[in-house]
Amino acid sequence: MEKILKKILIVVGVAAISFATSFGTMTYLSKTGRNSRNVSETENSTFKQPARLAGYTSVAAENIDFTKAAEMSVNAVVHIKSVANASDRSNSREYFDPFEFFFGDGGSRNYRRQPRVGFGSGVIISSDGYIVTNNHVIEGANEISVTTNDDKEYKAKLIGRDDLTDVALLKIEGKDFPVIPFGNSDALKVGEWVLAVGNPFNLRSTVTAGIVSAKGRADLVAGYGGSRQDKIESYIQTDAAVNPGNSGGALVNTRGELVGINTLIYSETGNFVGYSFAIPISIVKKVVTDIKEYGMVQRAMLGVMITELEALKEREPQVYEKLKVNEGVYVSGFSNNSSSQKAGIQVGDVIIAINGTKIKNYNELRGQLSRYNPGDKIEVQVKRGNDTKKFTVELKNDQGTTDAIRYQAPDAILGATFKELSNESKQRLGISSGLEVTDIKNGKLKTAGIRNGFIILTANDTRVSAPDDMNKIVEEIRKKDPDDRGLYIKGFYPEVRKMEYIAIDLND
């Protein structure tokens, strides 16, 4: 009996010692942060790493309060309806009816197309009713209506738009509208929480949350058939759910500040599949400020011809191999009267930074330049062989000056108005389309020698039948490089019936 009691005491003692040792070890590990429960691992993981980096304090998502930012944002995000009522010419077309051909009036009838209606979102950025949205939300619209979060509807006026950045500025009449304050998109960090606020599928005041997945994304428009040369792309990428109808809506940080305008998704289905993209507010703010003040965006130019390093590597590998850098843009030439050339930049230099911000490619260069105005002086850092050099360059506009350029309507530039031809006039002249020039004033047409009564058949090889056709053609030409801003008109005077070809330079 005594031996049995001794054995029991020994077992109990060992158990007590084991418990004390285990408890002490667990306490020690807990205090030193090495508790096995804080180690993130899987059964087949190669490495065992702590869930938190040393010295880093994180806040769990469930501890972040999104409600305040949402409440501050939803009332300043509006629903936009745009209606494109095409002209009678483009709203109607002839079609062939075989029944009428044999039994009626010859088989030619007209029918009217229905107006095109689009929906999107917008953000009120000032208490007196200025609203920013995407250009593609309102492009081509004849009527724009805005519905605020309290279900009040307003007629909106288009102040101006910029298709290079896909930004438009609207105005509704009223006062004391709720506003989302501008934040600092440059200060956004990858991994930071953001909210997307908009009207997907016409569902009003929808808020979704996500993180910043990347910054400075480019080459997205080209993936949808666009051209990288005609868009300024430097997007904030997030995984906040964005769908059709969110375009033009707000991307806000957890403080309720506007850091971007939601613009597009990258999807094969047309709906959200994981990533969305927003224009940084640093770009948007500059664009809408210019539009409000000048009616158009003031583009700042370096005056350099650029070649991407990847393209240089393929076309001129012997030149690429001599470069001592693999990021940046290669200077292959200069425009006339280039301020960059005057500052000391040379052909063969690689631009690697603007005002201390690294430049990896052409789109990043354009994105950085889009923040500045003609007349601003910036520091351009280049790599020249083994040396890194810095130059101060005064930016200019595409006319080679530092002056602000104010918007002029196409008909003001041409100095004329245009009259749509009636069917009787077309039959008498033996043409199927055309425009009559009326009310010639001082402008490009008068300088070119065109008089009242001239019939324009085509402009830049495009048939014209409505005054808006000429406006659109002129607007497209003005977006091109100065060397390509030519308007080529084909037409005749009815009394002469001799075809004339007239070239007009649309540079200011």
Protein backbone atom coordinates (compact mmCIF):
# COMPACT_ATOMS: atom_id res chain seq x y z
CA MET A 1 0.00 0.00 0.00
CA GLU A 2 2.82 2.37 0.90
CA LYS A 3 4.61 1.58 -2.41
CA ILE A 4 1.43 2.28 -4.39
CA LEU A 5 0.97 5.63 -2.59
CA LYS A 6 4.55 6.62 -3.42
CA LYS A 7 3.99 5.84 -7.11
CA ILE A 8 0.84 7.96 -7.16
CA LEU A 9 2.65 10.87 -5.55
CA ILE A 10 5.48 10.58 -8.11
CA VAL A 11 2.99 10.64 -11.02
CA VAL A 12 1.17 13.64 -9.54
CA GLY A 13 4.48 15.44 -8.98
CA VAL A 14 5.63 14.86 -12.54
CA ALA A 15 2.27 16.08 -13.82
CA ALA A 16 2.52 19.19 -11.64
CA ILE A 17 6.03 19.92 -12.85
CA SER A 18 4.95 19.37 -16.47
CA PHE A 19 1.98 21.70 -16.00
CA ALA A 20 4.19 24.36 -14.36
CA THR A 21 6.77 24.08 -17.11
CA SER A 22 4.14 24.29 -19.84
CA PHE A 23 2.40 27.22 -18.19
CA GLY A 24 5.68 29.07 -17.74
CA THR A 25 6.69 28.42 -21.32
CA MET A 26 3.34 29.62 -22.65
CA THR A 27 3.54 32.73 -20.51
CA TYR A 28 7.04 33.46 -21.75
CA LEU A 29 6.08 32.94 -25.38
CA SER A 30 3.03 35.11 -24.91
CA LYS A 31 5.11 37.94 -23.49
CA THR A 32 7.76 37.67 -26.22
CA GLY A 33 5.18 37.45 -29.01
CA ARG A 34 6.17 33.91 -30.01
CA ASN A 35 2.99 32.10 -29.07
CA SER A 36 2.40 29.39 -31.64
CA ARG A 37 -1.14 30.68 -32.13
CA ASN A 38 0.30 33.90 -33.58
CA VAL A 39 2.22 32.00 -36.23
CA SER A 40 0.49 31.90 -39.59
CA GLU A 41 1.15 28.59 -41.32
CA THR A 42 -0.49 25.81 -43.27
CA GLU A 43 0.12 22.08 -43.20
CA ASN A 44 2.20 22.15 -46.40
CA SER A 45 3.86 25.53 -45.94
CA THR A 46 7.62 25.64 -46.47
CA PHE A 47 8.22 28.56 -44.14
CA LYS A 48 6.71 29.42 -40.76
CA GLN A 49 6.37 33.17 -40.54
CA PRO A 50 4.65 35.42 -37.99
CA ALA A 51 1.32 36.88 -38.98
CA ARG A 52 2.60 40.38 -38.20
CA LEU A 53 5.83 41.96 -39.23
CA ALA A 54 8.13 43.12 -36.45
CA GLY A 55 7.46 46.68 -35.44
CA TYR A 56 4.26 46.90 -37.49
CA THR A 57 0.93 47.63 -35.84
CA SER A 58 -2.10 46.73 -37.94
CA VAL A 59 -5.77 47.40 -37.39
CA ALA A 60 -8.20 44.63 -38.16
CA ALA A 61 -10.80 45.42 -40.80
CA GLU A 62 -13.58 44.84 -38.31
CA ASN A 63 -12.17 47.66 -36.18
CA ILE A 64 -12.34 50.24 -39.00
CA ASP A 65 -15.48 52.38 -38.93
CA PHE A 66 -16.70 52.87 -42.50
CA THR A 67 -20.02 54.40 -41.47
CA LYS A 68 -18.81 57.97 -41.06
CA ALA A 69 -17.12 58.05 -44.46
CA ALA A 70 -20.22 56.50 -46.05
CA GLU A 71 -22.55 59.01 -44.41
CA MET A 72 -20.35 61.90 -45.55
CA SER A 73 -20.29 60.62 -49.11
CA VAL A 74 -23.68 59.27 -50.14
CA ASN A 75 -25.46 62.63 -50.00
CA ALA A 76 -22.89 64.23 -52.32
CA VAL A 77 -23.00 61.46 -54.94
CA VAL A 78 -25.71 61.98 -57.56
CA HIS A 79 -27.45 59.91 -60.21
CA ILE A 80 -26.96 61.17 -63.78
CA LYS A 81 -29.25 60.51 -66.74
CA SER A 82 -28.08 61.55 -70.19
CA VAL A 83 -30.27 61.58 -73.28
CA ALA A 84 -28.78 61.79 -76.76
CA ASN A 85 -31.38 63.10 -79.17
CA ALA A 86 -29.69 62.89 -82.55
CA SER A 87 -30.66 65.34 -85.26
CA ASP A 88 -33.53 64.53 -87.60
CA ARG A 89 -30.96 63.46 -90.16
CA SER A 90 -29.26 60.94 -87.93
CA ASN A 91 -32.44 60.01 -86.08
CA SER A 92 -34.03 58.86 -89.28
CA ARG A 93 -32.89 56.79 -92.19
CA GLU A 94 -34.36 55.23 -95.27
CA TYR A 95 -35.12 51.54 -95.48
CA PHE A 96 -36.39 49.44 -98.34
CA ASP A 97 -39.86 47.89 -98.11
CA PRO A 98 -40.33 45.35 -100.97
CA PHE A 99 -44.10 45.30 -100.48
CA GLU A 100 -44.34 49.06 -101.00
CA PHE A 101 -41.94 48.82 -103.95
CA PHE A 102 -44.39 46.66 -105.90
CA PHE A 103 -47.69 47.95 -104.55
CA GLY A 104 -47.06 51.39 -103.07
CA ASP A 105 -44.88 54.48 -103.36
CA GLY A 106 -41.59 52.94 -104.46
CA GLY A 107 -40.43 51.16 -101.36
CA SER A 108 -38.63 53.97 -99.54
CA ARG A 109 -39.76 54.92 -96.05
CA ASN A 110 -38.32 56.74 -93.06
CA TYR A 111 -38.42 55.63 -89.49
CA ARG A 112 -37.11 57.37 -86.38
CA ARG A 113 -34.53 55.92 -84.03
CA GLN A 114 -35.22 56.07 -80.35
CA PRO A 115 -33.17 58.50 -78.25
CA ARG A 116 -30.12 56.95 -76.59
CA VAL A 117 -30.39 57.05 -72.79
CA GLY A 118 -27.44 56.48 -70.48
CA PHE A 119 -26.99 56.42 -66.73
CA GLY A 120 -24.09 57.05 -64.41
CA SER A 121 -22.95 58.81 -61.28
CA GLY A 122 -21.43 62.14 -60.34
CA VAL A 123 -19.89 63.87 -57.33
CA ILE A 124 -20.84 67.31 -56.02
CA ILE A 125 -17.55 69.15 -55.42
CA SER A 126 -18.84 72.60 -54.46
CA SER A 127 -21.86 73.78 -52.49
CA ASP A 128 -23.07 75.91 -55.42
CA GLY A 129 -23.71 72.88 -57.59
CA TYR A 130 -20.59 71.96 -59.57
CA ILE A 131 -20.48 68.23 -60.29
CA VAL A 132 -17.64 66.11 -61.65
CA THR A 133 -18.33 62.94 -63.61
CA ASN A 134 -16.85 60.90 -66.44
CA ASN A 135 -16.90 62.25 -69.96
CA HIS A 136 -18.21 58.93 -71.27
CA VAL A 137 -21.27 59.26 -69.00
CA ILE A 138 -22.47 62.43 -70.77
CA GLU A 139 -20.71 62.29 -74.14
CA GLY A 140 -23.06 63.14 -77.02
CA ALA A 141 -25.92 64.03 -74.67
CA ASN A 142 -28.40 66.74 -75.58
CA GLU A 143 -30.09 66.60 -72.20
CA ILE A 144 -28.54 65.87 -68.80
CA SER A 145 -30.54 65.48 -65.61
CA VAL A 146 -29.20 65.00 -62.10
CA THR A 147 -31.04 63.38 -59.18
CA THR A 148 -29.63 63.99 -55.71
CA ASN A 149 -29.81 61.55 -52.83
CA ASP A 150 -32.94 63.27 -51.48
CA ASP A 151 -34.72 62.51 -54.80
CA LYS A 152 -34.68 66.08 -56.14
CA GLU A 153 -34.15 66.31 -59.89
CA TYR A 154 -32.23 69.11 -61.62
CA LYS A 155 -31.41 70.03 -65.20
CA ALA A 156 -27.64 70.04 -65.56
CA LYS A 157 -25.53 72.30 -67.76
CA LEU A 158 -22.36 70.94 -69.32
CA ILE A 159 -19.56 73.35 -68.41
CA GLY A 160 -16.87 71.42 -70.24
CA ARG A 161 -15.38 68.02 -70.80
CA ASP A 162 -12.02 66.41 -71.48
CA ASP A 163 -11.94 63.06 -73.19
CA LEU A 164 -8.18 62.59 -72.72
CA THR A 165 -8.74 62.13 -68.99
CA ASP A 166 -12.42 61.12 -69.29
CA VAL A 167 -13.51 63.96 -66.99
CA ALA A 168 -16.51 66.28 -67.36
CA LEU A 169 -17.79 69.20 -65.28
CA LEU A 170 -21.52 69.87 -64.84
CA LYS A 171 -23.48 72.59 -63.03
CA ILE A 172 -26.89 72.52 -61.38
CA GLU A 173 -28.62 75.57 -59.97
CA GLY A 174 -29.02 75.83 -56.23
CA LYS A 175 -27.05 76.37 -53.06
CA ASP A 176 -25.89 74.61 -49.91
CA PHE A 177 -25.45 71.27 -51.64
CA PRO A 178 -23.57 68.59 -49.67
CA VAL A 179 -19.96 68.28 -50.82
CA ILE A 180 -17.20 65.67 -50.63
CA PRO A 181 -13.91 67.46 -49.83
CA PHE A 182 -10.84 66.76 -51.96
CA GLY A 183 -8.32 64.39 -50.47
CA ASN A 184 -4.73 63.65 -51.49
CA SER A 185 -4.56 60.78 -53.96
CA ASP A 186 -0.76 61.00 -54.03
CA ALA A 187 -0.70 60.04 -50.34
CA LEU A 188 -2.78 56.88 -50.90
CA LYS A 189 -0.94 53.70 -50.04
CA VAL A 190 -1.35 50.24 -51.52
CA GLY A 191 -3.39 48.27 -49.02
CA GLU A 192 -5.29 51.30 -47.73
CA TRP A 193 -9.05 50.93 -47.34
CA VAL A 194 -11.30 52.91 -49.70
CA LEU A 195 -15.02 53.12 -50.46
CA ALA A 196 -16.67 53.26 -53.88
CA VAL A 197 -19.92 55.23 -53.85
CA GLY A 198 -22.25 55.34 -56.83
CA ASN A 199 -25.37 54.02 -58.57
CA PRO A 200 -24.61 50.62 -60.13
CA PHE A 201 -27.48 49.20 -62.20
CA ASN A 202 -29.47 52.32 -61.17
CA LEU A 203 -29.36 51.23 -57.52
CA ARG A 204 -29.09 54.55 -55.71
CA SER A 205 -26.52 55.36 -53.02
CA THR A 206 -24.59 52.09 -53.12
CA VAL A 207 -21.41 51.84 -51.05
CA THR A 208 -18.79 49.11 -51.47
CA ALA A 209 -15.44 48.73 -49.70
CA GLY A 210 -12.05 47.50 -50.83
CA ILE A 211 -8.37 48.26 -50.70
CA VAL A 212 -6.03 50.11 -53.02
CA SER A 213 -4.53 47.28 -55.09
CA ALA A 214 -2.10 49.37 -57.15
CA LYS A 215 -1.39 52.90 -58.32
CA GLY A 216 -0.44 54.38 -61.66
CA ARG A 217 -2.12 51.69 -63.77
CA ALA A 218 -2.06 52.33 -67.52
CA ASP A 219 -2.58 50.62 -70.89
CA LEU A 220 -6.18 49.74 -69.98
CA VAL A 221 -8.08 51.72 -72.63
CA ALA A 222 -5.98 50.13 -75.36
CA GLY A 223 -7.28 46.77 -74.20
CA TYR A 224 -10.79 47.84 -75.20
CA GLY A 225 -9.85 48.98 -78.68
CA GLY A 226 -8.68 52.46 -77.71
CA SER A 227 -5.31 53.99 -78.36
CA ARG A 228 -2.81 54.59 -75.59
CA GLN A 229 -1.68 57.74 -77.39
CA ASP A 230 -5.04 59.48 -77.05
CA LYS A 231 -5.74 58.87 -73.37
CA ILE A 232 -4.03 59.96 -70.18
CA GLU A 233 -3.97 56.92 -67.93
CA SER A 234 -2.66 56.80 -64.37
CA TYR A 235 -5.40 54.93 -62.53
CA ILE A 236 -5.88 53.91 -58.92
CA GLN A 237 -6.68 50.19 -58.93
CA THR A 238 -8.94 48.86 -56.18
CA ASP A 239 -10.88 45.70 -55.43
CA ALA A 240 -13.99 47.62 -54.36
CA ALA A 241 -16.94 46.34 -56.36
CA VAL A 242 -17.76 48.69 -59.26
CA ASN A 243 -20.34 47.95 -61.95
CA PRO A 244 -22.11 49.76 -64.84
CA GLY A 245 -23.67 52.90 -63.37
CA ASN A 246 -20.76 53.49 -60.96
CA SER A 247 -18.91 55.51 -63.62
CA GLY A 248 -18.38 59.05 -62.40
CA GLY A 249 -18.95 58.10 -58.76
CA ALA A 250 -16.71 58.72 -55.78
CA LEU A 251 -13.72 56.83 -54.48
CA VAL A 252 -13.21 58.03 -50.91
CA ASN A 253 -10.81 57.18 -48.12
CA THR A 254 -11.91 56.23 -44.60
CA ARG A 255 -11.88 59.92 -43.64
CA GLY A 256 -14.58 60.62 -46.23
CA GLU A 257 -12.25 62.53 -48.57
CA LEU A 258 -12.53 62.28 -52.35
CA VAL A 259 -9.41 60.57 -53.69
CA GLY A 260 -10.65 59.44 -57.11
CA ILE A 261 -13.45 59.23 -59.67
CA ASN A 262 -14.47 55.65 -60.50
CA THR A 263 -14.10 55.20 -64.22
CA LEU A 264 -13.83 51.66 -65.53
CA ILE A 265 -13.57 47.98 -64.80
CA TYR A 266 -11.39 45.41 -66.51
CA SER A 267 -13.79 42.65 -67.43
CA GLU A 268 -14.66 40.30 -70.24
CA THR A 269 -18.28 40.17 -69.12
CA GLY A 270 -18.92 43.90 -68.64
CA ASN A 271 -19.55 43.44 -64.92
CA PHE A 272 -17.25 43.47 -61.91
CA VAL A 273 -14.83 40.54 -61.72
CA GLY A 274 -12.39 41.70 -59.08
CA TYR A 275 -10.75 45.01 -59.99
CA SER A 276 -11.89 48.54 -60.71
CA PHE A 277 -10.07 51.73 -61.66
CA ALA A 278 -10.41 55.37 -60.66
CA ILE A 279 -8.89 58.62 -61.92
CA PRO A 280 -6.76 60.16 -59.13
CA ILE A 281 -8.22 63.34 -57.70
CA SER A 282 -4.86 65.07 -58.26
CA ILE A 283 -5.57 64.86 -62.00
CA VAL A 284 -9.32 65.48 -61.74
CA LYS A 285 -8.89 68.62 -59.65
CA LYS A 286 -6.55 70.19 -62.19
CA VAL A 287 -8.83 69.30 -65.11
CA VAL A 288 -12.05 70.70 -63.59
CA THR A 289 -10.27 73.84 -62.37
CA ASP A 290 -9.05 74.53 -65.91
CA ILE A 291 -12.46 73.80 -67.42
CA LYS A 292 -14.19 76.19 -65.03
CA GLU A 293 -11.68 78.98 -65.63
CA TYR A 294 -10.79 78.59 -69.30
CA GLY A 295 -13.40 76.26 -70.76
CA MET A 296 -10.69 73.74 -71.66
CA VAL A 297 -7.73 71.97 -70.10
CA GLN A 298 -4.36 73.71 -70.24
CA ARG A 299 -1.93 71.05 -71.48
CA ALA A 300 1.68 71.37 -70.41
CA MET A 301 4.28 70.12 -72.88
CA LEU A 302 7.93 69.18 -72.41
CA GLY A 303 8.65 69.63 -76.10
CA VAL A 304 10.31 66.23 -76.49
CA MET A 305 9.73 63.24 -78.74
CA ILE A 306 9.58 60.06 -76.69
CA THR A 307 10.35 56.41 -77.37
CA GLU A 308 9.45 53.70 -74.89
CA LEU A 309 12.45 51.64 -73.73
CA GLU A 310 10.74 48.40 -74.74
CA ALA A 311 10.19 49.74 -78.25
CA LEU A 312 13.77 51.00 -78.39
CA LYS A 313 15.00 47.57 -77.34
CA GLU A 314 13.20 45.96 -80.28
CA ARG A 315 13.97 48.60 -82.93
CA GLU A 316 17.46 49.67 -81.97
CA PRO A 317 18.95 47.03 -79.67
CA GLN A 318 22.46 48.43 -80.10
CA VAL A 319 21.30 51.78 -78.71
CA TYR A 320 19.35 50.17 -75.88
CA GLU A 321 22.32 48.08 -74.77
CA LYS A 322 24.36 51.24 -74.15
CA LEU A 323 21.79 52.65 -71.74
CA LYS A 324 22.50 52.28 -68.03
CA VAL A 325 18.87 52.21 -66.99
CA ASN A 326 15.85 49.97 -67.60
CA GLU A 327 13.07 52.34 -66.52
CA GLY A 328 12.12 55.72 -67.96
CA VAL A 329 11.48 57.17 -71.41
CA TYR A 330 14.05 57.71 -74.15
CA VAL A 331 14.38 61.19 -75.69
CA SER A 332 14.49 60.65 -79.46
CA GLY A 333 13.94 64.25 -80.63
CA PHE A 334 12.52 67.69 -79.92
CA SER A 335 9.69 69.90 -81.12
CA ASN A 336 10.40 73.32 -82.57
CA ASN A 337 11.51 75.87 -79.98
CA SER A 338 11.69 73.14 -77.33
CA SER A 339 12.22 74.43 -73.80
CA SER A 340 13.66 71.03 -72.79
CA GLN A 341 16.34 71.29 -75.45
CA LYS A 342 17.14 74.83 -74.35
CA ALA A 343 17.44 73.63 -70.76
CA GLY A 344 20.16 71.17 -71.79
CA ILE A 345 18.37 67.86 -72.33
CA GLN A 346 19.83 65.92 -75.25
CA VAL A 347 18.75 63.20 -77.67
CA GLY A 348 19.70 59.89 -76.04
CA ASP A 349 18.86 61.01 -72.51
CA VAL A 350 16.43 58.86 -70.52
CA ILE A 351 13.92 60.80 -68.41
CA ILE A 352 13.65 58.96 -65.10
CA ALA A 353 11.89 61.46 -62.81
CA ILE A 354 9.73 64.60 -62.76
CA ASN A 355 10.00 66.71 -59.61
CA GLY A 356 11.38 63.71 -57.76
CA THR A 357 8.62 61.31 -58.87
CA LYS A 358 9.97 58.29 -60.73
CA ILE A 359 8.95 57.84 -64.36
CA LYS A 360 8.80 54.27 -65.62
CA ASN A 361 7.09 54.73 -68.98
CA TYR A 362 5.31 57.13 -71.33
CA ASN A 363 1.95 56.94 -69.56
CA GLU A 364 3.52 57.84 -66.23
CA LEU A 365 5.22 60.82 -67.88
CA ARG A 366 1.90 62.03 -69.30
CA GLY A 367 0.20 61.44 -65.97
CA GLN A 368 2.75 63.61 -64.18
CA LEU A 369 2.66 66.38 -66.80
CA SER A 370 -1.15 66.46 -66.62
CA ARG A 371 -0.80 67.99 -63.14
CA TYR A 372 0.98 71.10 -64.39
CA ASN A 373 0.15 74.21 -66.43
CA PRO A 374 2.07 75.95 -69.21
CA GLY A 375 4.47 78.35 -67.53
CA ASP A 376 5.20 76.02 -64.60
CA LYS A 377 8.85 75.13 -64.05
CA ILE A 378 9.66 71.54 -63.20
CA GLU A 379 12.80 69.58 -62.40
CA VAL A 380 13.50 66.87 -64.98
CA GLN A 381 15.94 64.16 -63.95
CA VAL A 382 17.64 62.21 -66.74
CA LYS A 383 20.15 59.41 -67.07
CA ARG A 384 22.96 60.17 -69.50
CA GLY A 385 25.40 57.30 -69.71
CA ASN A 386 26.71 56.70 -66.20
CA ASP A 387 25.66 60.16 -65.03
CA THR A 388 22.39 61.40 -63.52
CA LYS A 389 21.58 65.00 -64.38
CA LYS A 390 18.84 67.44 -63.38
CA PHE A 391 17.40 70.24 -65.51
CA THR A 392 14.84 72.96 -64.82
CA VAL A 393 12.36 73.12 -67.70
CA GLU A 394 9.62 75.69 -68.25
CA LEU A 395 6.57 73.92 -69.63
CA LYS A 396 4.74 75.32 -72.67
CA ASN A 397 1.42 74.73 -74.40
CA ASP A 398 1.05 73.06 -77.79
CA GLN A 399 1.38 76.46 -79.46
CA GLY A 400 4.85 76.86 -77.98
CA THR A 401 3.88 79.63 -75.53
CA THR A 402 3.08 79.86 -71.83
CA ASP A 403 -0.19 81.73 -72.41
CA ALA A 404 -3.52 80.32 -71.27
CA ILE A 405 -5.69 79.17 -74.18
CA ARG A 406 -9.42 79.74 -73.88
CA TYR A 407 -11.97 77.48 -75.45
CA GLN A 408 -13.52 78.51 -78.77
CA ALA A 409 -16.53 76.78 -80.22
CA PRO A 410 -15.89 75.15 -83.62
CA ASP A 411 -18.27 77.52 -85.47
CA ALA A 412 -16.45 80.50 -83.89
CA ILE A 413 -13.11 79.16 -85.11
CA LEU A 414 -14.45 78.60 -88.63
CA GLY A 415 -16.32 81.92 -88.56
CA ALA A 416 -19.53 80.70 -90.14
CA THR A 417 -22.79 78.93 -89.57
CA PHE A 418 -24.01 75.92 -91.51
CA LYS A 419 -27.44 75.14 -92.89
CA GLU A 420 -28.79 71.66 -93.41
CA LEU A 421 -29.98 71.07 -96.98
CA SER A 422 -33.60 70.20 -97.61
CA ASN A 423 -34.49 67.14 -99.67
CA GLU A 424 -35.60 69.44 -102.48
CA SER A 425 -32.21 71.21 -102.49
CA LYS A 426 -30.38 67.90 -102.57
CA GLN A 427 -32.46 66.68 -105.51
CA ARG A 428 -31.91 69.95 -107.38
CA LEU A 429 -28.15 69.79 -106.79
CA GLY A 430 -27.92 66.07 -107.48
CA ILE A 431 -26.34 65.20 -104.13
CA SER A 432 -27.35 62.95 -101.22
CA SER A 433 -25.73 64.97 -98.42
CA GLY A 434 -24.06 68.30 -97.78
CA LEU A 435 -24.11 71.58 -95.83
CA GLU A 436 -24.55 75.14 -97.00
CA VAL A 437 -22.18 77.77 -95.58
CA THR A 438 -24.08 80.81 -94.33
CA ASP A 439 -23.29 83.98 -92.42
CA ILE A 440 -19.53 84.14 -93.09
CA LYS A 441 -17.62 86.22 -90.52
CA ASN A 442 -13.97 86.64 -89.65
CA GLY A 443 -12.55 83.16 -89.23
CA LYS A 444 -10.75 80.29 -90.89
CA LEU A 445 -13.25 79.87 -93.76
CA LYS A 446 -13.14 83.52 -94.78
CA THR A 447 -9.33 83.46 -94.66
CA ALA A 448 -9.41 80.42 -96.96
CA GLY A 449 -11.59 82.33 -99.45
CA ILE A 450 -14.88 80.56 -98.85
CA ARG A 451 -18.03 82.68 -99.38
CA ASN A 452 -21.68 82.34 -98.41
CA GLY A 453 -23.52 79.68 -100.40
CA PHE A 454 -20.62 77.24 -100.64
CA ILE A 455 -21.80 73.62 -100.39
CA ILE A 456 -19.56 71.40 -98.25
CA LEU A 457 -19.78 67.74 -99.25
CA THR A 458 -17.03 66.26 -97.09
CA ALA A 459 -14.66 67.41 -94.38
CA ASN A 460 -11.57 65.25 -93.93
CA ASP A 461 -13.16 62.59 -96.15
CA THR A 462 -16.25 62.42 -93.93
CA ARG A 463 -19.69 63.23 -95.36
CA VAL A 464 -21.48 66.06 -93.59
CA SER A 465 -25.24 66.62 -93.45
CA ALA A 466 -25.86 68.42 -90.15
CA PRO A 467 -24.13 71.40 -88.50
CA ASP A 468 -23.07 69.17 -85.62
CA ASP A 469 -21.09 67.03 -88.07
CA MET A 470 -18.71 69.93 -88.71
CA ASN A 471 -18.43 70.67 -85.00
CA LYS A 472 -17.42 67.10 -84.22
CA ILE A 473 -14.85 66.97 -87.01
CA VAL A 474 -13.23 70.23 -85.89
CA GLU A 475 -13.16 69.06 -82.26
CA GLU A 476 -11.41 65.84 -83.28
CA ILE A 477 -8.84 67.72 -85.34
CA ARG A 478 -8.01 70.06 -82.46
CA LYS A 479 -7.06 67.07 -80.28
CA LYS A 480 -4.28 66.10 -82.66
CA ASP A 481 -0.68 67.23 -82.66
CA PRO A 482 -0.17 70.75 -84.09
CA ASP A 483 1.41 69.32 -87.24
CA ASP A 484 -1.75 67.31 -87.99
CA ARG A 485 -4.42 69.97 -87.45
CA GLY A 486 -5.52 70.28 -91.04
CA LEU A 487 -9.16 70.59 -92.20
CA TYR A 488 -9.64 69.42 -95.79
CA ILE A 489 -12.93 70.50 -97.36
CA LYS A 490 -14.46 69.26 -100.60
CA GLY A 491 -17.37 71.20 -102.11
CA PHE A 492 -18.69 73.55 -104.77
CA TYR A 493 -20.69 76.69 -105.47
CA PRO A 494 -24.15 75.84 -106.94
CA GLU A 495 -23.87 78.44 -109.67
CA VAL A 496 -20.52 77.07 -110.89
CA ARG A 497 -20.77 73.33 -110.20
CA LYS A 498 -16.97 72.96 -110.19
CA MET A 499 -15.52 70.82 -107.42
CA GLU A 500 -13.08 72.62 -105.13
CA TYR A 501 -10.62 71.23 -102.59
CA ILE A 502 -9.62 73.55 -99.78
CA ALA A 503 -7.03 72.97 -97.02
CA ILE A 504 -7.32 74.94 -93.77
CA ASP A 505 -4.82 75.08 -90.89
CA LEU A 506 -6.75 74.96 -87.59
CA ASN A 507 -3.84 75.99 -85.37
CA ASP A 508 -4.48 79.23 -83.49
